[in-house]
């Protein structure tokens, strides 16, 4: 089965679906950051920045895989 991708059109310019997935994942991650800070996400990992990057990549990959 092949996936039919819907391009995003902004001002007559076609935007690739992967760019919109990256933007949606970034918005979702930025909304999730205050919750992560509240629960103490940074204390669990020795490198919290890398853990946050991995979380963003996982969110991006999930979006790209299922949508």
C-alpha atoms as a PDB file:
ATOM      1  CA  UNK A   1       0.000   0.000   0.000  1.00  0.00           C
ATOM      2  CA  UNK A   2       1.197   3.475  -0.763  1.00  0.00           C
ATOM      3  CA  UNK A   3       0.503   6.559   1.250  1.00  0.00           C
ATOM      4  CA  UNK A   4      -1.023   9.560  -0.464  1.00  0.00           C
ATOM      5  CA  UNK A   5       0.567  12.659   0.984  1.00  0.00           C
ATOM      6  CA  UNK A   6      -1.325  15.910   1.102  1.00  0.00           C
ATOM      7  CA  UNK A   7       0.866  18.897   0.404  1.00  0.00           C
ATOM      8  CA  UNK A   8       0.329  22.085   2.364  1.00  0.00           C
ATOM      9  CA  UNK A   9      -0.180  25.149   0.173  1.00  0.00           C
ATOM     10  CA  UNK A  10       0.824  28.514   1.634  1.00  0.00           C
ATOM     11  CA  UNK A  11       0.573  31.469  -0.713  1.00  0.00           C
ATOM     12  CA  UNK A  12       0.726  29.262  -3.775  1.00  0.00           C
ATOM     13  CA  UNK A  13       3.877  27.488  -2.580  1.00  0.00           C
ATOM     14  CA  UNK A  14       3.719  23.746  -2.034  1.00  0.00           C
ATOM     15  CA  UNK A  15       5.229  22.701   1.286  1.00  0.00           C
ATOM     16  CA  UNK A  16       6.428  19.109   1.595  1.00  0.00           C
ATOM     17  CA  UNK A  17       4.514  17.008   4.127  1.00  0.00           C
ATOM     18  CA  UNK A  18       7.672  16.309   6.128  1.00  0.00           C
ATOM     19  CA  UNK A  19       8.071  20.040   6.839  1.00  0.00           C
ATOM     20  CA  UNK A  20       4.552  20.244   8.210  1.00  0.00           C
ATOM     21  CA  UNK A  21       5.184  17.137  10.332  1.00  0.00           C
ATOM     22  CA  UNK A  22       8.320  18.753  11.749  1.00  0.00           C
ATOM     23  CA  UNK A  23       6.404  21.943  12.561  1.00  0.00           C
ATOM     24  CA  UNK A  24       3.555  20.045  14.240  1.00  0.00           C
ATOM     25  CA  UNK A  25       6.027  17.970  16.270  1.00  0.00           C
ATOM     26  CA  UNK A  26       7.854  21.140  17.323  1.00  0.00           C
ATOM     27  CA  UNK A  27       4.629  22.811  18.447  1.00  0.00           C
ATOM     28  CA  UNK A  28       3.558  19.713  20.370  1.00  0.00           C
ATOM     29  CA  UNK A  29       6.984  19.443  21.983  1.00  0.00           C
ATOM     30  CA  UNK A  30       6.997  23.111  22.999  1.00  0.00           C
ATOM     31  CA  UNK A  31       3.589  22.667  24.607  1.00  0.00           C
ATOM     32  CA  UNK A  32       4.858  19.548  26.403  1.00  0.00           C
ATOM     33  CA  UNK A  33       8.018  21.183  27.828  1.00  0.00           C
ATOM     34  CA  UNK A  34       6.337  22.918  30.813  1.00  0.00           C
ATOM     35  CA  UNK A  35       4.828  19.579  31.851  1.00  0.00           C
ATOM     36  CA  UNK A  36       8.221  17.900  31.539  1.00  0.00           C
ATOM     37  CA  UNK A  37       9.802  20.608  33.670  1.00  0.00           C
ATOM     38  CA  UNK A  38       7.028  20.225  36.280  1.00  0.00           C
ATOM     39  CA  UNK A  39       7.482  16.446  36.631  1.00  0.00           C
ATOM     40  CA  UNK A  40      11.283  16.693  36.854  1.00  0.00           C
ATOM     41  CA  UNK A  41      12.209  15.197  33.488  1.00  0.00           C
ATOM     42  CA  UNK A  42      15.706  16.748  33.606  1.00  0.00           C
ATOM     43  CA  UNK A  43      16.616  15.057  36.902  1.00  0.00           C
ATOM     44  CA  UNK A  44      16.138  11.574  35.445  1.00  0.00           C
ATOM     45  CA  UNK A  45      18.725  11.926  32.659  1.00  0.00           C
ATOM     46  CA  UNK A  46      22.422  12.770  32.781  1.00  0.00           C
ATOM     47  CA  UNK A  47      22.054  14.809  29.568  1.00  0.00           C
ATOM     48  CA  UNK A  48      18.551  16.331  29.569  1.00  0.00           C
ATOM     49  CA  UNK A  49      19.055  18.247  26.321  1.00  0.00           C
ATOM     50  CA  UNK A  50      19.815  15.041  24.461  1.00  0.00           C
ATOM     51  CA  UNK A  51      16.807  13.343  26.065  1.00  0.00           C
ATOM     52  CA  UNK A  52      14.564  16.196  24.908  1.00  0.00           C
ATOM     53  CA  UNK A  53      15.989  15.932  21.396  1.00  0.00           C
ATOM     54  CA  UNK A  54      15.276  12.193  21.386  1.00  0.00           C
ATOM     55  CA  UNK A  55      11.722  12.870  22.532  1.00  0.00           C
ATOM     56  CA  UNK A  56      11.249  15.374  19.677  1.00  0.00           C
ATOM     57  CA  UNK A  57      12.663  12.916  17.130  1.00  0.00           C
ATOM     58  CA  UNK A  58      10.332  10.210  18.432  1.00  0.00           C
ATOM     59  CA  UNK A  59       7.343  12.540  18.106  1.00  0.00           C
ATOM     60  CA  UNK A  60       8.431  13.554  14.606  1.00  0.00           C
ATOM     61  CA  UNK A  61       8.934   9.958  13.549  1.00  0.00           C
ATOM     62  CA  UNK A  62       5.533   8.958  14.888  1.00  0.00           C
ATOM     63  CA  UNK A  63       3.867  11.745  12.947  1.00  0.00           C
ATOM     64  CA  UNK A  64       5.721  10.871   9.764  1.00  0.00           C
ATOM     65  CA  UNK A  65       4.894   7.194  10.132  1.00  0.00           C
ATOM     66  CA  UNK A  66       1.180   7.410  10.859  1.00  0.00           C
ATOM     67  CA  UNK A  67       0.018  10.539   9.003  1.00  0.00           C
END
